[in-house]
Every structure is written in C-alpha cells, then in structure tokens.
Amino acid sequence: MASISVKRLCLLGLIVVLVGLAGIGEADGAGECGKSNPDREAFKLAPCASAAQDETASVNSNCCAQVKKIGQNPSCLCAVMLSNTAKYSGINPEVAITIPKRCNIADRPVGMKCGSYTLP
C-alpha cells in the first residue's frame, strides 16, 4: 500500500515539474524577451562563446547576426548577456557587453545600463 502512494507522489511531482517547465517565461509574455526567457535566448548566442570570454577574440558573422537580431530588443539583449545560462557558460559580462560594438552594429543601445555594466 505504501508503494502505491510513493508512486503517486512521484508521478505528481513529475507532473508539477513538467507543467512548471512548460510555463517558464510564457505566463503573459511580459518578460524582457517577450514569450521566451533570457536563458532560452542565450542558447542562440552559442556562436559568441569565445568572443564573450576574450575581448581580443574575433567575433564571427553568425555571432553578430544573432546579437543584431536579439539586440532589436535591448532589454532582452541585456537580460540574455546577464542570464544564468550565460553565467554558467563562463561568459564574462564585461566582455560580452562589448560584442555589439565589436560587430559594428550601428543601432546598438550605446550607454544603456545592463545590470552594473554600460553598453559601449
């Protein structure tokens, strides 16, 4: 009898986790990145990994294209660069924040604060 309640408890826990994951960042679309969350958007910046760790590393065209696309919403770009995914990937925010300038993106949000950092 006890094993049945443990199985039900595990199943209930799994359902709660799945429902929670399905709804992350999509409750009302009011986040920095709309219906997506910054951690999910951070995966799109994988081509920027080396450029976001070393200011002297070259920035490839795939990276610049993704930064330009996400940068159309400057708040989202900041949230992505400061996200947990970026942090756990070894991204240096002080270096990552320089990528829009290094990509020569003319319409970047110069002077915008991203946490304690300012976009150059």
N, C-alpha and C. Protein backbone atom coordinates (compact mmCIF):
# COMPACT_ATOMS: atom_id res chain seq x y z
N MET A 1 0.82 -1.19 0.00
CA MET A 1 0.00 0.00 0.00
C MET A 1 0.87 1.26 0.00
N ALA A 2 1.96 1.23 0.77
CA ALA A 2 2.84 2.40 0.85
C ALA A 2 3.53 2.66 -0.48
N SER A 3 3.82 1.59 -1.23
CA SER A 3 4.48 1.77 -2.52
C SER A 3 3.58 2.47 -3.53
N ILE A 4 2.28 2.26 -3.42
CA ILE A 4 1.35 2.94 -4.32
C ILE A 4 1.35 4.43 -4.05
N SER A 5 1.35 4.84 -2.82
CA SER A 5 1.33 6.27 -2.50
C SER A 5 2.66 6.92 -2.89
N VAL A 6 3.77 6.21 -2.77
CA VAL A 6 5.06 6.74 -3.20
C VAL A 6 5.06 6.92 -4.71
N LYS A 7 4.50 5.97 -5.44
CA LYS A 7 4.42 6.08 -6.91
C LYS A 7 3.56 7.27 -7.30
N ARG A 8 2.45 7.43 -6.62
CA ARG A 8 1.56 8.56 -6.91
C ARG A 8 2.25 9.89 -6.60
N LEU A 9 2.97 9.92 -5.50
CA LEU A 9 3.69 11.13 -5.12
C LEU A 9 4.75 11.48 -6.16
N CYS A 10 5.48 10.47 -6.64
CA CYS A 10 6.49 10.69 -7.68
C CYS A 10 5.85 11.18 -8.97
N LEU A 11 4.72 10.57 -9.35
CA LEU A 11 4.01 10.98 -10.56
C LEU A 11 3.52 12.42 -10.43
N LEU A 12 2.98 12.74 -9.27
CA LEU A 12 2.51 14.11 -9.04
C LEU A 12 3.67 15.10 -9.13
N GLY A 13 4.81 14.74 -8.54
CA GLY A 13 6.00 15.60 -8.61
C GLY A 13 6.45 15.80 -10.05
N LEU A 14 6.44 14.74 -10.84
CA LEU A 14 6.83 14.84 -12.25
C LEU A 14 5.88 15.75 -13.01
N ILE A 15 4.61 15.62 -12.77
CA ILE A 15 3.61 16.47 -13.45
C ILE A 15 3.82 17.93 -13.09
N VAL A 16 4.07 18.20 -11.81
CA VAL A 16 4.30 19.59 -11.37
C VAL A 16 5.52 20.17 -12.08
N VAL A 17 6.60 19.38 -12.16
CA VAL A 17 7.81 19.85 -12.83
C VAL A 17 7.55 20.12 -14.31
N LEU A 18 6.87 19.20 -14.99
CA LEU A 18 6.60 19.38 -16.41
C LEU A 18 5.71 20.59 -16.68
N VAL A 19 4.70 20.77 -15.87
CA VAL A 19 3.82 21.94 -16.04
C VAL A 19 4.61 23.22 -15.79
N GLY A 20 5.46 23.21 -14.78
CA GLY A 20 6.29 24.38 -14.49
C GLY A 20 7.23 24.71 -15.63
N LEU A 21 7.87 23.68 -16.20
CA LEU A 21 8.78 23.91 -17.31
C LEU A 21 8.05 24.41 -18.55
N ALA A 22 6.88 23.91 -18.78
CA ALA A 22 6.11 24.34 -19.96
C ALA A 22 5.72 25.79 -19.86
N GLY A 23 5.54 26.29 -18.64
CA GLY A 23 5.07 27.66 -18.49
C GLY A 23 6.16 28.68 -18.24
N ILE A 24 7.42 28.26 -18.16
CA ILE A 24 8.50 29.21 -17.87
C ILE A 24 8.55 30.30 -18.92
N GLY A 25 8.47 31.53 -18.50
CA GLY A 25 8.62 32.68 -19.38
C GLY A 25 7.46 32.90 -20.33
N GLU A 26 6.37 32.13 -20.18
CA GLU A 26 5.28 32.27 -21.12
C GLU A 26 3.96 32.60 -20.45
N ALA A 27 4.02 33.01 -19.22
CA ALA A 27 2.79 33.28 -18.49
C ALA A 27 1.99 34.39 -19.14
N ASP A 28 2.62 35.51 -19.42
CA ASP A 28 1.88 36.60 -20.03
C ASP A 28 2.67 37.31 -21.11
N GLY A 29 3.86 36.83 -21.43
CA GLY A 29 4.66 37.43 -22.49
C GLY A 29 5.22 38.78 -22.11
N ALA A 30 5.28 39.08 -20.82
CA ALA A 30 5.69 40.41 -20.39
C ALA A 30 7.17 40.48 -19.99
N GLY A 31 7.93 39.39 -20.22
CA GLY A 31 9.34 39.40 -19.85
C GLY A 31 10.17 40.24 -20.79
N GLU A 32 11.46 40.36 -20.47
CA GLU A 32 12.37 41.16 -21.30
C GLU A 32 12.42 40.66 -22.74
N CYS A 33 12.24 39.35 -22.91
CA CYS A 33 12.35 38.74 -24.24
C CYS A 33 11.00 38.26 -24.76
N GLY A 34 9.94 38.91 -24.35
CA GLY A 34 8.61 38.53 -24.81
C GLY A 34 8.20 37.20 -24.25
N LYS A 35 7.78 36.28 -25.12
CA LYS A 35 7.30 34.98 -24.68
C LYS A 35 8.43 34.01 -24.37
N SER A 36 9.63 34.33 -24.76
CA SER A 36 10.78 33.48 -24.45
C SER A 36 11.46 34.02 -23.21
N ASN A 37 12.28 33.20 -22.58
CA ASN A 37 13.01 33.72 -21.42
C ASN A 37 14.47 33.91 -21.80
N PRO A 38 15.18 34.77 -21.08
CA PRO A 38 16.57 35.08 -21.43
C PRO A 38 17.48 33.85 -21.47
N ASP A 39 17.24 32.88 -20.60
CA ASP A 39 18.09 31.69 -20.62
C ASP A 39 17.90 30.90 -21.91
N ARG A 40 16.69 30.84 -22.40
CA ARG A 40 16.42 30.14 -23.66
C ARG A 40 17.06 30.91 -24.83
N GLU A 41 16.94 32.24 -24.80
CA GLU A 41 17.53 33.06 -25.86
C GLU A 41 19.06 33.00 -25.85
N ALA A 42 19.64 32.78 -24.66
CA ALA A 42 21.10 32.73 -24.54
C ALA A 42 21.70 31.61 -25.39
N PHE A 43 20.97 30.52 -25.57
CA PHE A 43 21.47 29.42 -26.40
C PHE A 43 21.69 29.85 -27.84
N LYS A 44 20.96 30.85 -28.29
CA LYS A 44 21.12 31.35 -29.66
C LYS A 44 22.44 32.07 -29.85
N LEU A 45 23.07 32.45 -28.73
CA LEU A 45 24.34 33.16 -28.81
C LEU A 45 25.54 32.22 -28.65
N ALA A 46 25.33 30.93 -28.87
CA ALA A 46 26.43 29.97 -28.79
C ALA A 46 27.59 30.34 -29.71
N PRO A 47 27.34 30.90 -30.92
CA PRO A 47 28.46 31.29 -31.78
C PRO A 47 29.33 32.41 -31.17
N CYS A 48 28.86 33.02 -30.11
CA CYS A 48 29.58 34.12 -29.47
C CYS A 48 30.42 33.67 -28.28
N ALA A 49 30.46 32.39 -28.01
CA ALA A 49 31.09 31.90 -26.77
C ALA A 49 32.51 32.41 -26.58
N SER A 50 33.38 32.24 -27.56
CA SER A 50 34.77 32.66 -27.37
C SER A 50 34.88 34.19 -27.33
N ALA A 51 34.09 34.88 -28.12
CA ALA A 51 34.13 36.34 -28.15
C ALA A 51 33.61 36.94 -26.84
N ALA A 52 32.76 36.20 -26.13
CA ALA A 52 32.20 36.69 -24.88
C ALA A 52 33.08 36.38 -23.68
N GLN A 53 34.17 35.65 -23.93
CA GLN A 53 35.11 35.33 -22.86
C GLN A 53 36.43 36.08 -23.00
N ASP A 54 36.72 36.51 -24.24
CA ASP A 54 38.01 37.15 -24.52
C ASP A 54 37.78 38.33 -25.45
N GLU A 55 38.07 39.52 -24.96
CA GLU A 55 37.81 40.75 -25.74
C GLU A 55 38.68 40.84 -26.98
N THR A 56 39.77 40.10 -27.03
CA THR A 56 40.64 40.13 -28.21
C THR A 56 40.27 39.06 -29.24
N ALA A 57 39.36 38.15 -28.89
CA ALA A 57 38.93 37.11 -29.83
C ALA A 57 38.08 37.74 -30.94
N SER A 58 38.20 37.18 -32.13
CA SER A 58 37.40 37.70 -33.23
C SER A 58 35.94 37.32 -33.03
N VAL A 59 35.07 38.14 -33.55
CA VAL A 59 33.63 37.90 -33.45
C VAL A 59 33.17 37.45 -34.83
N ASN A 60 32.63 36.23 -34.90
CA ASN A 60 32.24 35.71 -36.21
C ASN A 60 30.89 36.26 -36.67
N SER A 61 30.63 36.11 -37.95
CA SER A 61 29.42 36.68 -38.54
C SER A 61 28.13 36.07 -37.97
N ASN A 62 28.16 34.78 -37.62
CA ASN A 62 26.97 34.16 -37.01
C ASN A 62 26.65 34.80 -35.67
N CYS A 63 27.68 35.07 -34.90
CA CYS A 63 27.50 35.74 -33.61
C CYS A 63 26.89 37.11 -33.83
N CYS A 64 27.47 37.88 -34.73
CA CYS A 64 26.98 39.24 -34.97
C CYS A 64 25.53 39.24 -35.44
N ALA A 65 25.17 38.26 -36.28
CA ALA A 65 23.79 38.18 -36.77
C ALA A 65 22.82 37.93 -35.62
N GLN A 66 23.19 37.04 -34.70
CA GLN A 66 22.32 36.73 -33.57
C GLN A 66 22.23 37.92 -32.60
N VAL A 67 23.37 38.57 -32.37
CA VAL A 67 23.38 39.74 -31.47
C VAL A 67 22.51 40.84 -32.06
N LYS A 68 22.61 41.05 -33.36
CA LYS A 68 21.81 42.09 -34.01
C LYS A 68 20.32 41.76 -33.90
N LYS A 69 19.99 40.49 -34.10
CA LYS A 69 18.58 40.07 -34.03
C LYS A 69 18.03 40.25 -32.61
N ILE A 70 18.74 39.72 -31.62
CA ILE A 70 18.28 39.84 -30.23
C ILE A 70 18.36 41.29 -29.77
N GLY A 71 19.35 42.03 -30.28
CA GLY A 71 19.56 43.42 -29.91
C GLY A 71 18.48 44.37 -30.39
N GLN A 72 17.56 43.89 -31.23
CA GLN A 72 16.43 44.73 -31.62
C GLN A 72 15.59 45.06 -30.40
N ASN A 73 15.72 44.23 -29.37
CA ASN A 73 15.09 44.49 -28.08
C ASN A 73 16.24 44.61 -27.07
N PRO A 74 16.76 45.81 -26.83
CA PRO A 74 17.92 45.98 -25.96
C PRO A 74 17.76 45.40 -24.56
N SER A 75 16.56 45.46 -24.00
CA SER A 75 16.34 44.88 -22.68
C SER A 75 16.54 43.38 -22.70
N CYS A 76 16.12 42.75 -23.78
CA CYS A 76 16.29 41.30 -23.94
C CYS A 76 17.78 40.98 -24.07
N LEU A 77 18.49 41.75 -24.88
CA LEU A 77 19.92 41.51 -25.07
C LEU A 77 20.66 41.60 -23.74
N CYS A 78 20.34 42.58 -22.94
CA CYS A 78 20.96 42.71 -21.61
C CYS A 78 20.62 41.51 -20.75
N ALA A 79 19.35 41.14 -20.73
CA ALA A 79 18.92 40.01 -19.90
C ALA A 79 19.62 38.72 -20.33
N VAL A 80 19.81 38.55 -21.64
CA VAL A 80 20.48 37.36 -22.15
C VAL A 80 21.94 37.35 -21.72
N MET A 81 22.62 38.49 -21.87
CA MET A 81 24.04 38.55 -21.52
C MET A 81 24.28 38.38 -20.03
N LEU A 82 23.27 38.68 -19.22
CA LEU A 82 23.40 38.55 -17.77
C LEU A 82 22.65 37.33 -17.23
N SER A 83 22.16 36.46 -18.13
CA SER A 83 21.35 35.31 -17.72
C SER A 83 22.19 34.25 -17.00
N ASN A 84 21.50 33.37 -16.32
CA ASN A 84 22.16 32.25 -15.65
C ASN A 84 22.86 31.36 -16.67
N THR A 85 22.24 31.15 -17.82
CA THR A 85 22.85 30.32 -18.86
C THR A 85 24.18 30.91 -19.29
N ALA A 86 24.21 32.22 -19.51
CA ALA A 86 25.46 32.87 -19.90
C ALA A 86 26.49 32.74 -18.78
N LYS A 87 26.06 32.96 -17.56
CA LYS A 87 26.98 32.89 -16.42
C LYS A 87 27.56 31.48 -16.29
N TYR A 88 26.71 30.46 -16.38
CA TYR A 88 27.17 29.08 -16.22
C TYR A 88 28.01 28.62 -17.41
N SER A 89 27.92 29.33 -18.53
CA SER A 89 28.73 29.00 -19.71
C SER A 89 30.11 29.64 -19.65
N GLY A 90 30.37 30.39 -18.61
CA GLY A 90 31.68 31.03 -18.45
C GLY A 90 31.78 32.37 -19.15
N ILE A 91 30.65 32.95 -19.50
CA ILE A 91 30.64 34.24 -20.18
C ILE A 91 31.06 35.33 -19.20
N ASN A 92 31.90 36.22 -19.66
CA ASN A 92 32.32 37.37 -18.86
C ASN A 92 31.43 38.55 -19.28
N PRO A 93 30.52 38.99 -18.41
CA PRO A 93 29.60 40.07 -18.80
C PRO A 93 30.31 41.33 -19.28
N GLU A 94 31.45 41.66 -18.67
CA GLU A 94 32.20 42.85 -19.08
C GLU A 94 32.69 42.73 -20.52
N VAL A 95 32.97 41.53 -20.95
CA VAL A 95 33.43 41.29 -22.32
C VAL A 95 32.23 41.13 -23.25
N ALA A 96 31.22 40.38 -22.80
CA ALA A 96 30.03 40.14 -23.63
C ALA A 96 29.35 41.44 -24.03
N ILE A 97 29.36 42.38 -23.14
CA ILE A 97 28.69 43.66 -23.37
C ILE A 97 29.36 44.46 -24.49
N THR A 98 30.59 44.08 -24.85
CA THR A 98 31.31 44.78 -25.93
C THR A 98 31.03 44.20 -27.31
N ILE A 99 30.35 43.06 -27.38
CA ILE A 99 30.14 42.40 -28.67
C ILE A 99 29.37 43.26 -29.67
N PRO A 100 28.26 43.92 -29.28
CA PRO A 100 27.57 44.75 -30.29
C PRO A 100 28.50 45.79 -30.93
N LYS A 101 29.37 46.40 -30.14
CA LYS A 101 30.30 47.38 -30.70
C LYS A 101 31.33 46.68 -31.59
N ARG A 102 31.83 45.53 -31.15
CA ARG A 102 32.82 44.79 -31.94
C ARG A 102 32.22 44.26 -33.24
N CYS A 103 30.90 44.11 -33.29
CA CYS A 103 30.22 43.68 -34.51
C CYS A 103 29.89 44.88 -35.41
N ASN A 104 30.24 46.08 -34.96
CA ASN A 104 29.94 47.31 -35.70
C ASN A 104 28.44 47.48 -35.96
N ILE A 105 27.64 47.13 -34.97
CA ILE A 105 26.19 47.32 -35.09
C ILE A 105 25.90 48.78 -34.81
N ALA A 106 25.48 49.49 -35.84
CA ALA A 106 25.30 50.93 -35.75
C ALA A 106 24.17 51.33 -34.82
N ASP A 107 23.10 50.54 -34.80
CA ASP A 107 21.93 50.93 -34.00
C ASP A 107 21.90 50.23 -32.64
N ARG A 108 23.08 49.96 -32.08
CA ARG A 108 23.16 49.34 -30.75
C ARG A 108 22.78 50.38 -29.69
N PRO A 109 22.32 49.91 -28.54
CA PRO A 109 21.89 50.84 -27.48
C PRO A 109 23.07 51.37 -26.67
N VAL A 110 23.84 52.27 -27.25
CA VAL A 110 25.03 52.83 -26.60
C VAL A 110 24.62 53.53 -25.30
N GLY A 111 25.37 53.26 -24.23
CA GLY A 111 25.12 53.91 -22.96
C GLY A 111 24.03 53.27 -22.12
N MET A 112 23.39 52.24 -22.64
CA MET A 112 22.33 51.57 -21.89
C MET A 112 22.94 50.75 -20.76
N LYS A 113 22.33 50.82 -19.60
CA LYS A 113 22.79 50.04 -18.46
C LYS A 113 22.26 48.61 -18.56
N CYS A 114 23.16 47.66 -18.38
CA CYS A 114 22.81 46.24 -18.29
C CYS A 114 23.33 45.79 -16.94
N GLY A 115 22.46 45.77 -15.97
CA GLY A 115 22.90 45.46 -14.61
C GLY A 115 23.87 46.54 -14.18
N SER A 116 25.05 46.12 -13.75
CA SER A 116 26.05 47.11 -13.33
C SER A 116 26.98 47.50 -14.48
N TYR A 117 26.67 47.03 -15.69
CA TYR A 117 27.51 47.32 -16.87
C TYR A 117 26.82 48.32 -17.79
N THR A 118 27.61 49.04 -18.56
CA THR A 118 27.08 50.01 -19.53
C THR A 118 27.56 49.60 -20.92
N LEU A 119 26.63 49.56 -21.86
CA LEU A 119 27.00 49.21 -23.23
C LEU A 119 27.85 50.30 -23.84
N PRO A 120 29.02 49.91 -24.39
CA PRO A 120 29.90 50.91 -25.01
C PRO A 120 29.38 51.36 -26.37
